Amino acid sequence: MSIRLKIFVVFVACFAASGVFALDFSINSGSVVDAKTLSVQAKAEELFERGDYKRAHFIYRHELAPIGDKYAQYMVGFMSLTGLGVKEDPVLACAWYRLAAERKAPEFVAVRDELMAQFDAVDMDRVDEIYLRLRRQYSDVMLRMRLVRGDYESMIESSTGSRMGAPTSPVTIVRPRAGTSMSGDAYYGQIHRRMQKHLDHITATLDIEPVNADLAVDELADLERKVDAFVALVDDR
């Protein structure tokens, strides 16, 4: 068995035993994965297991990796490393491994470090370039920042003044897909809490002062600039 394949087998065994496959992948979902994401994950795994690597790679790369699914990001790297469904490209694989390891899960860190140790300085410069590009698109902090921006824009539509304040509305919000409805206050309160959760993660990651979800537009723009600067730096060499 090759070293690369042995790493993969050990990785899968550890994660399958711990049940991590069904937990904490999507930034949108938090610690409980929604039914739609679970279905997509299961489809990708089914395709991979039966050897339909091109279709499996497409789902990992274009549907799961962009929402912060760390296992999918790892699998894009693994398939690039081994040439399953895509052109073999160890440099690209290493960049994806590094992105998958950003939450410091020991299994991801182990395979990342194993592969990084095989490259010389020239190749590592190429890996850095691709990795930084991926960080700007799919790192946790960047994905959360985009979600905060989207929630902010939803909230600001119902508020007045320079600060958001606490939107109030007697209007009932109907959610057909979920089959539920709630008051405007409850709906915007839900958005506000979600924003705060993402903001807390962002500020903790950047190691800066906490930011309240009742932030002004200039404060949001300042935080976005700080996130942009953060993801432009290599953080694991």
C-alpha atoms as a PDB file:
ATOM      1  CA  MET A   1       0.000   0.000   0.000  1.00  0.00           C
ATOM      2  CA  SER A   2       1.441   3.411  -0.933  1.00  0.00           C
ATOM      3  CA  ILE A   3       2.132   6.033   1.742  1.00  0.00           C
ATOM      4  CA  ARG A   4      -0.514   8.292   0.237  1.00  0.00           C
ATOM      5  CA  LEU A   5      -3.178   5.604   0.264  1.00  0.00           C
ATOM      6  CA  LYS A   6      -2.174   4.488   3.780  1.00  0.00           C
ATOM      7  CA  ILE A   7      -2.688   8.053   5.032  1.00  0.00           C
ATOM      8  CA  PHE A   8      -6.136   8.098   3.476  1.00  0.00           C
ATOM      9  CA  VAL A   9      -7.151   4.742   4.970  1.00  0.00           C
ATOM     10  CA  VAL A  10      -6.032   5.744   8.469  1.00  0.00           C
ATOM     11  CA  PHE A  11      -7.814   9.062   8.117  1.00  0.00           C
ATOM     12  CA  VAL A  12     -11.107   7.463   7.083  1.00  0.00           C
ATOM     13  CA  ALA A  13     -10.920   4.855   9.848  1.00  0.00           C
ATOM     14  CA  CYS A  14     -10.396   7.510  12.519  1.00  0.00           C
ATOM     15  CA  PHE A  15     -13.177   9.751  11.292  1.00  0.00           C
ATOM     16  CA  ALA A  16     -15.655   6.943  10.732  1.00  0.00           C
ATOM     17  CA  ALA A  17     -15.073   5.696  14.277  1.00  0.00           C
ATOM     18  CA  SER A  18     -15.603   9.150  15.752  1.00  0.00           C
ATOM     19  CA  GLY A  19     -18.759   9.923  13.772  1.00  0.00           C
ATOM     20  CA  VAL A  20     -17.294  13.183  12.473  1.00  0.00           C
ATOM     21  CA  PHE A  21     -18.637  12.575   8.970  1.00  0.00           C
ATOM     22  CA  ALA A  22     -22.090  13.769  10.076  1.00  0.00           C
ATOM     23  CA  LEU A  23     -21.045  16.719  12.224  1.00  0.00           C
ATOM     24  CA  ASP A  24     -19.851  20.296  11.935  1.00  0.00           C
ATOM     25  CA  PHE A  25     -19.115  20.603   8.232  1.00  0.00           C
ATOM     26  CA  SER A  26     -21.227  23.436   6.863  1.00  0.00           C
ATOM     27  CA  ILE A  27     -20.744  26.977   8.104  1.00  0.00           C
ATOM     28  CA  ASN A  28     -24.464  27.497   7.551  1.00  0.00           C
ATOM     29  CA  SER A  29     -25.449  24.503   9.607  1.00  0.00           C
ATOM     30  CA  GLY A  30     -23.287  24.908  12.683  1.00  0.00           C
ATOM     31  CA  SER A  31     -22.863  21.643  14.588  1.00  0.00           C
ATOM     32  CA  VAL A  32     -25.954  19.939  13.161  1.00  0.00           C
ATOM     33  CA  VAL A  33     -25.960  19.352   9.443  1.00  0.00           C
ATOM     34  CA  ASP A  34     -29.228  20.106   7.662  1.00  0.00           C
ATOM     35  CA  ALA A  35     -31.050  17.377   5.738  1.00  0.00           C
ATOM     36  CA  LYS A  36     -30.162  18.782   2.323  1.00  0.00           C
ATOM     37  CA  THR A  37     -26.447  18.870   3.112  1.00  0.00           C
ATOM     38  CA  LEU A  38     -26.575  15.357   4.545  1.00  0.00           C
ATOM     39  CA  SER A  39     -28.190  14.170   1.328  1.00  0.00           C
ATOM     40  CA  VAL A  40     -25.498  15.793  -0.812  1.00  0.00           C
ATOM     41  CA  GLN A  41     -22.750  14.342   1.401  1.00  0.00           C
ATOM     42  CA  ALA A  42     -24.283  10.882   1.139  1.00  0.00           C
ATOM     43  CA  LYS A  43     -24.523  11.180  -2.637  1.00  0.00           C
ATOM     44  CA  ALA A  44     -20.862  12.148  -2.949  1.00  0.00           C
ATOM     45  CA  GLU A  45     -19.819   9.242  -0.731  1.00  0.00           C
ATOM     46  CA  GLU A  46     -21.966   6.795  -2.711  1.00  0.00           C
ATOM     47  CA  LEU A  47     -20.450   7.952  -5.996  1.00  0.00           C
ATOM     48  CA  PHE A  48     -16.922   7.719  -4.605  1.00  0.00           C
ATOM     49  CA  GLU A  49     -17.459   4.246  -3.161  1.00  0.00           C
ATOM     50  CA  ARG A  50     -18.700   2.864  -6.459  1.00  0.00           C
ATOM     51  CA  GLY A  51     -15.829   4.438  -8.396  1.00  0.00           C
ATOM     52  CA  ASP A  52     -17.675   7.274 -10.125  1.00  0.00           C
ATOM     53  CA  TYR A  53     -14.864   9.607  -9.221  1.00  0.00           C
ATOM     54  CA  LYS A  54     -15.569  12.451 -11.653  1.00  0.00           C
ATOM     55  CA  ARG A  55     -19.087  12.965 -10.358  1.00  0.00           C
ATOM     56  CA  ALA A  56     -17.990  12.550  -6.755  1.00  0.00           C
ATOM     57  CA  HIS A  57     -15.257  15.130  -7.260  1.00  0.00           C
ATOM     58  CA  PHE A  58     -17.710  17.556  -8.820  1.00  0.00           C
ATOM     59  CA  ILE A  59     -19.957  17.404  -5.742  1.00  0.00           C
ATOM     60  CA  TYR A  60     -17.080  17.657  -3.281  1.00  0.00           C
ATOM     61  CA  ARG A  61     -15.525  20.557  -5.196  1.00  0.00           C
ATOM     62  CA  HIS A  62     -18.539  22.599  -6.249  1.00  0.00           C
ATOM     63  CA  GLU A  63     -21.280  21.826  -3.725  1.00  0.00           C
ATOM     64  CA  LEU A  64     -19.676  20.896  -0.413  1.00  0.00           C
ATOM     65  CA  ALA A  65     -16.235  22.512  -0.290  1.00  0.00           C
ATOM     66  CA  PRO A  66     -17.670  26.013  -0.927  1.00  0.00           C
ATOM     67  CA  ILE A  67     -19.917  25.820   2.172  1.00  0.00           C
ATOM     68  CA  GLY A  68     -17.043  24.969   4.496  1.00  0.00           C
ATOM     69  CA  ASP A  69     -17.321  21.180   4.485  1.00  0.00           C
ATOM     70  CA  LYS A  70     -13.848  20.246   5.687  1.00  0.00           C
ATOM     71  CA  TYR A  71     -14.132  16.596   4.729  1.00  0.00           C
ATOM     72  CA  ALA A  72     -15.122  17.622   1.195  1.00  0.00           C
ATOM     73  CA  GLN A  73     -12.169  20.006   1.043  1.00  0.00           C
ATOM     74  CA  TYR A  74      -9.939  17.157   2.150  1.00  0.00           C
ATOM     75  CA  MET A  75     -11.441  14.853  -0.489  1.00  0.00           C
ATOM     76  CA  VAL A  76     -10.797  17.396  -3.252  1.00  0.00           C
ATOM     77  CA  GLY A  77      -7.187  17.358  -2.117  1.00  0.00           C
ATOM     78  CA  PHE A  78      -7.002  13.590  -1.865  1.00  0.00           C
ATOM     79  CA  MET A  79      -8.488  13.078  -5.320  1.00  0.00           C
ATOM     80  CA  SER A  80      -6.040  15.612  -6.751  1.00  0.00           C
ATOM     81  CA  LEU A  81      -3.187  13.810  -5.005  1.00  0.00           C
ATOM     82  CA  THR A  82      -4.124  10.385  -6.318  1.00  0.00           C
ATOM     83  CA  GLY A  83      -5.593  11.357  -9.700  1.00  0.00           C
ATOM     84  CA  LEU A  84      -9.037   9.952  -8.947  1.00  0.00           C
ATOM     85  CA  GLY A  85     -11.500  11.618 -11.311  1.00  0.00           C
ATOM     86  CA  VAL A  86      -9.164  14.553 -11.960  1.00  0.00           C
ATOM     87  CA  LYS A  87      -5.630  15.217 -13.138  1.00  0.00           C
ATOM     88  CA  GLU A  88      -3.037  14.268 -10.535  1.00  0.00           C
ATOM     89  CA  ASP A  89      -1.674  17.446  -8.977  1.00  0.00           C
ATOM     90  CA  PRO A  90       0.147  17.145  -5.625  1.00  0.00           C
ATOM     91  CA  VAL A  91       0.627  20.915  -5.338  1.00  0.00           C
ATOM     92  CA  LEU A  92      -3.093  21.575  -5.668  1.00  0.00           C
ATOM     93  CA  ALA A  93      -3.774  18.687  -3.295  1.00  0.00           C
ATOM     94  CA  CYS A  94      -1.541  20.212  -0.639  1.00  0.00           C
ATOM     95  CA  ALA A  95      -3.344  23.554  -0.862  1.00  0.00           C
ATOM     96  CA  TRP A  96      -6.697  21.840  -0.295  1.00  0.00           C
ATOM     97  CA  TYR A  97      -5.265  19.777   2.585  1.00  0.00           C
ATOM     98  CA  ARG A  98      -4.157  22.984   4.270  1.00  0.00           C
ATOM     99  CA  LEU A  99      -7.605  24.509   3.921  1.00  0.00           C
ATOM    100  CA  ALA A 100      -9.218  21.347   5.297  1.00  0.00           C
ATOM    101  CA  ALA A 101      -6.926  21.532   8.335  1.00  0.00           C
ATOM    102  CA  GLU A 102      -7.772  25.089   9.360  1.00  0.00           C
ATOM    103  CA  ARG A 103      -9.972  23.926  12.270  1.00  0.00           C
ATOM    104  CA  LYS A 104      -6.966  21.981  13.595  1.00  0.00           C
ATOM    105  CA  ALA A 105      -8.649  18.561  13.539  1.00  0.00           C
ATOM    106  CA  PRO A 106      -5.723  16.202  14.293  1.00  0.00           C
ATOM    107  CA  GLU A 107      -6.466  13.872  11.359  1.00  0.00           C
ATOM    108  CA  PHE A 108      -6.474  16.740   8.866  1.00  0.00           C
ATOM    109  CA  VAL A 109      -3.355  18.288  10.370  1.00  0.00           C
ATOM    110  CA  ALA A 110      -1.530  14.949  10.144  1.00  0.00           C
ATOM    111  CA  VAL A 111      -2.177  14.427   6.428  1.00  0.00           C
ATOM    112  CA  ARG A 112      -1.432  18.093   5.708  1.00  0.00           C
ATOM    113  CA  ASP A 113       1.931  17.951   7.474  1.00  0.00           C
ATOM    114  CA  GLU A 114       2.815  14.612   5.873  1.00  0.00           C
ATOM    115  CA  LEU A 115       2.328  16.035   2.386  1.00  0.00           C
ATOM    116  CA  MET A 116       3.893  19.445   3.058  1.00  0.00           C
ATOM    117  CA  ALA A 117       7.072  17.725   4.250  1.00  0.00           C
ATOM    118  CA  GLN A 118       7.559  16.244   0.769  1.00  0.00           C
ATOM    119  CA  PHE A 119       7.876  19.589  -1.055  1.00  0.00           C
ATOM    120  CA  ASP A 120      10.914  21.758  -1.637  1.00  0.00           C
ATOM    121  CA  ALA A 121      10.888  25.559  -1.282  1.00  0.00           C
ATOM    122  CA  VAL A 122       9.923  26.178  -4.901  1.00  0.00           C
ATOM    123  CA  ASP A 123       6.941  23.843  -4.759  1.00  0.00           C
ATOM    124  CA  MET A 124       5.881  25.280  -1.406  1.00  0.00           C
ATOM    125  CA  ASP A 125       5.769  28.744  -2.939  1.00  0.00           C
ATOM    126  CA  ARG A 126       3.345  27.374  -5.525  1.00  0.00           C
ATOM    127  CA  VAL A 127       1.318  25.684  -2.798  1.00  0.00           C
ATOM    128  CA  ASP A 128       1.164  28.969  -0.859  1.00  0.00           C
ATOM    129  CA  GLU A 129      -0.151  30.824  -3.887  1.00  0.00           C
ATOM    130  CA  ILE A 130      -2.996  28.353  -4.433  1.00  0.00           C
ATOM    131  CA  TYR A 131      -3.716  28.027  -0.725  1.00  0.00           C
ATOM    132  CA  LEU A 132      -4.111  31.783  -0.285  1.00  0.00           C
ATOM    133  CA  ARG A 133      -6.490  31.857  -3.219  1.00  0.00           C
ATOM    134  CA  LEU A 134      -8.563  29.120  -1.591  1.00  0.00           C
ATOM    135  CA  ARG A 135      -8.469  30.916   1.775  1.00  0.00           C
ATOM    136  CA  ARG A 136      -9.940  34.031   0.198  1.00  0.00           C
ATOM    137  CA  GLN A 137     -12.808  31.977  -1.163  1.00  0.00           C
ATOM    138  CA  TYR A 138     -13.548  29.145   1.251  1.00  0.00           C
ATOM    139  CA  SER A 139     -11.904  29.690   4.642  1.00  0.00           C
ATOM    140  CA  ASP A 140     -14.246  29.629   7.630  1.00  0.00           C
ATOM    141  CA  VAL A 141     -13.660  33.245   8.534  1.00  0.00           C
ATOM    142  CA  MET A 142     -14.345  34.454   4.994  1.00  0.00           C
ATOM    143  CA  LEU A 143     -17.489  32.358   4.642  1.00  0.00           C
ATOM    144  CA  ARG A 144     -18.766  33.661   7.967  1.00  0.00           C
ATOM    145  CA  MET A 145     -17.981  37.231   6.974  1.00  0.00           C
ATOM    146  CA  ARG A 146     -20.080  36.844   3.826  1.00  0.00           C
ATOM    147  CA  LEU A 147     -22.944  35.441   5.884  1.00  0.00           C
ATOM    148  CA  VAL A 148     -22.712  38.392   8.275  1.00  0.00           C
ATOM    149  CA  ARG A 149     -22.853  40.785   5.324  1.00  0.00           C
ATOM    150  CA  GLY A 150     -25.923  39.031   3.932  1.00  0.00           C
ATOM    151  CA  ASP A 151     -27.688  39.067   7.302  1.00  0.00           C
ATOM    152  CA  TYR A 152     -26.721  42.693   7.857  1.00  0.00           C
ATOM    153  CA  GLU A 153     -28.288  43.709   4.575  1.00  0.00           C
ATOM    154  CA  SER A 154     -31.468  41.817   5.469  1.00  0.00           C
ATOM    155  CA  MET A 155     -31.605  43.534   8.852  1.00  0.00           C
ATOM    156  CA  ILE A 156     -30.818  47.016   7.603  1.00  0.00           C
ATOM    157  CA  GLU A 157     -33.824  46.950   5.283  1.00  0.00           C
ATOM    158  CA  SER A 158     -36.118  47.012   8.298  1.00  0.00           C
ATOM    159  CA  SER A 159     -34.249  49.579  10.369  1.00  0.00           C
ATOM    160  CA  THR A 160     -33.624  53.342  10.346  1.00  0.00           C
ATOM    161  CA  GLY A 161     -30.733  55.533  11.420  1.00  0.00           C
ATOM    162  CA  SER A 162     -26.999  54.970  11.272  1.00  0.00           C
ATOM    163  CA  ARG A 163     -27.114  51.935  13.545  1.00  0.00           C
ATOM    164  CA  MET A 164     -29.253  48.876  13.100  1.00  0.00           C
ATOM    165  CA  GLY A 165     -30.953  48.864  16.468  1.00  0.00           C
ATOM    166  CA  ALA A 166     -33.558  46.158  17.096  1.00  0.00           C
ATOM    167  CA  PRO A 167     -36.042  45.807  14.222  1.00  0.00           C
ATOM    168  CA  THR A 168     -39.640  45.450  15.301  1.00  0.00           C
ATOM    169  CA  SER A 169     -42.558  44.527  13.150  1.00  0.00           C
ATOM    170  CA  PRO A 170     -46.101  43.226  13.695  1.00  0.00           C
ATOM    171  CA  VAL A 171     -45.836  41.433  10.363  1.00  0.00           C
ATOM    172  CA  THR A 172     -45.849  37.626  10.396  1.00  0.00           C
ATOM    173  CA  ILE A 173     -43.014  36.031   8.424  1.00  0.00           C
ATOM    174  CA  VAL A 174     -44.099  32.886   6.580  1.00  0.00           C
ATOM    175  CA  ARG A 175     -41.470  30.300   5.673  1.00  0.00           C
ATOM    176  CA  PRO A 176     -43.108  27.928   3.148  1.00  0.00           C
ATOM    177  CA  ARG A 177     -40.164  25.542   2.826  1.00  0.00           C
ATOM    178  CA  ALA A 178     -39.949  25.069   6.571  1.00  0.00           C
ATOM    179  CA  GLY A 179     -43.729  24.976   6.966  1.00  0.00           C
ATOM    180  CA  THR A 180     -43.558  27.553   9.750  1.00  0.00           C
ATOM    181  CA  SER A 181     -44.312  31.189  10.461  1.00  0.00           C
ATOM    182  CA  MET A 182     -43.120  33.647  13.100  1.00  0.00           C
ATOM    183  CA  SER A 183     -43.493  37.263  14.088  1.00  0.00           C
ATOM    184  CA  GLY A 184     -41.244  39.877  12.573  1.00  0.00           C
ATOM    185  CA  ASP A 185     -39.597  40.375  15.961  1.00  0.00           C
ATOM    186  CA  ALA A 186     -38.796  36.679  16.275  1.00  0.00           C
ATOM    187  CA  TYR A 187     -37.563  36.434  12.695  1.00  0.00           C
ATOM    188  CA  TYR A 188     -35.152  39.353  12.961  1.00  0.00           C
ATOM    189  CA  GLY A 189     -34.111  38.261  16.424  1.00  0.00           C
ATOM    190  CA  GLN A 190     -33.096  34.945  14.901  1.00  0.00           C
ATOM    191  CA  ILE A 191     -31.008  36.727  12.273  1.00  0.00           C
ATOM    192  CA  HIS A 192     -29.443  38.932  14.946  1.00  0.00           C
ATOM    193  CA  ARG A 193     -28.386  35.927  17.040  1.00  0.00           C
ATOM    194  CA  ARG A 194     -26.979  34.175  13.999  1.00  0.00           C
ATOM    195  CA  MET A 195     -24.967  37.274  13.106  1.00  0.00           C
ATOM    196  CA  GLN A 196     -23.585  37.476  16.632  1.00  0.00           C
ATOM    197  CA  LYS A 197     -22.499  33.843  16.515  1.00  0.00           C
ATOM    198  CA  HIS A 198     -20.589  34.433  13.285  1.00  0.00           C
ATOM    199  CA  LEU A 199     -19.118  37.706  14.551  1.00  0.00           C
ATOM    200  CA  ASP A 200     -17.896  36.016  17.725  1.00  0.00           C
ATOM    201  CA  HIS A 201     -16.151  33.344  15.658  1.00  0.00           C
ATOM    202  CA  ILE A 202     -14.590  35.937  13.351  1.00  0.00           C
ATOM    203  CA  THR A 203     -13.228  38.142  16.125  1.00  0.00           C
ATOM    204  CA  ALA A 204     -11.910  35.118  18.046  1.00  0.00           C
ATOM    205  CA  THR A 205     -10.136  33.875  14.920  1.00  0.00           C
ATOM    206  CA  LEU A 206      -8.592  37.281  14.246  1.00  0.00           C
ATOM    207  CA  ASP A 207      -7.829  37.738  17.975  1.00  0.00           C
ATOM    208  CA  ILE A 208      -9.453  41.165  18.097  1.00  0.00           C
ATOM    209  CA  GLU A 209     -12.022  42.839  20.339  1.00  0.00           C
ATOM    210  CA  PRO A 210     -15.562  41.411  20.136  1.00  0.00           C
ATOM    211  CA  VAL A 211     -18.001  43.124  17.772  1.00  0.00           C
ATOM    212  CA  ASN A 212     -21.679  43.497  18.590  1.00  0.00           C
ATOM    213  CA  ALA A 213     -24.247  42.528  15.976  1.00  0.00           C
ATOM    214  CA  ASP A 214     -25.758  46.032  16.332  1.00  0.00           C
ATOM    215  CA  LEU A 215     -22.858  47.417  14.343  1.00  0.00           C
ATOM    216  CA  ALA A 216     -22.838  50.380  11.985  1.00  0.00           C
ATOM    217  CA  VAL A 217     -22.005  50.067   8.312  1.00  0.00           C
ATOM    218  CA  ASP A 218     -18.541  51.597   8.744  1.00  0.00           C
ATOM    219  CA  GLU A 219     -17.786  49.080  11.504  1.00  0.00           C
ATOM    220  CA  LEU A 220     -18.839  46.250   9.224  1.00  0.00           C
ATOM    221  CA  ALA A 221     -16.614  47.563   6.433  1.00  0.00           C
ATOM    222  CA  ASP A 222     -13.683  47.839   8.865  1.00  0.00           C
ATOM    223  CA  LEU A 223     -14.175  44.235   9.964  1.00  0.00           C
ATOM    224  CA  GLU A 224     -14.319  43.084   6.336  1.00  0.00           C
ATOM    225  CA  ARG A 225     -10.975  44.797   5.702  1.00  0.00           C
ATOM    226  CA  LYS A 226      -9.460  43.011   8.682  1.00  0.00           C
ATOM    227  CA  VAL A 227     -10.762  39.661   7.440  1.00  0.00           C
ATOM    228  CA  ASP A 228      -9.349  40.347   3.965  1.00  0.00           C
ATOM    229  CA  ALA A 229      -5.955  41.081   5.498  1.00  0.00           C
ATOM    230  CA  PHE A 230      -6.107  37.955   7.646  1.00  0.00           C
ATOM    231  CA  VAL A 231      -6.866  35.546   4.803  1.00  0.00           C
ATOM    232  CA  ALA A 232      -4.068  37.067   2.722  1.00  0.00           C
ATOM    233  CA  LEU A 233      -1.502  35.632   5.145  1.00  0.00           C
ATOM    234  CA  VAL A 234      -0.093  32.099   5.229  1.00  0.00           C
ATOM    235  CA  ASP A 235      -0.777  30.776   8.714  1.00  0.00           C
ATOM    236  CA  ASP A 236       0.504  27.197   8.874  1.00  0.00           C
ATOM    237  CA  ARG A 237       4.190  27.144   7.879  1.00  0.00           C
END
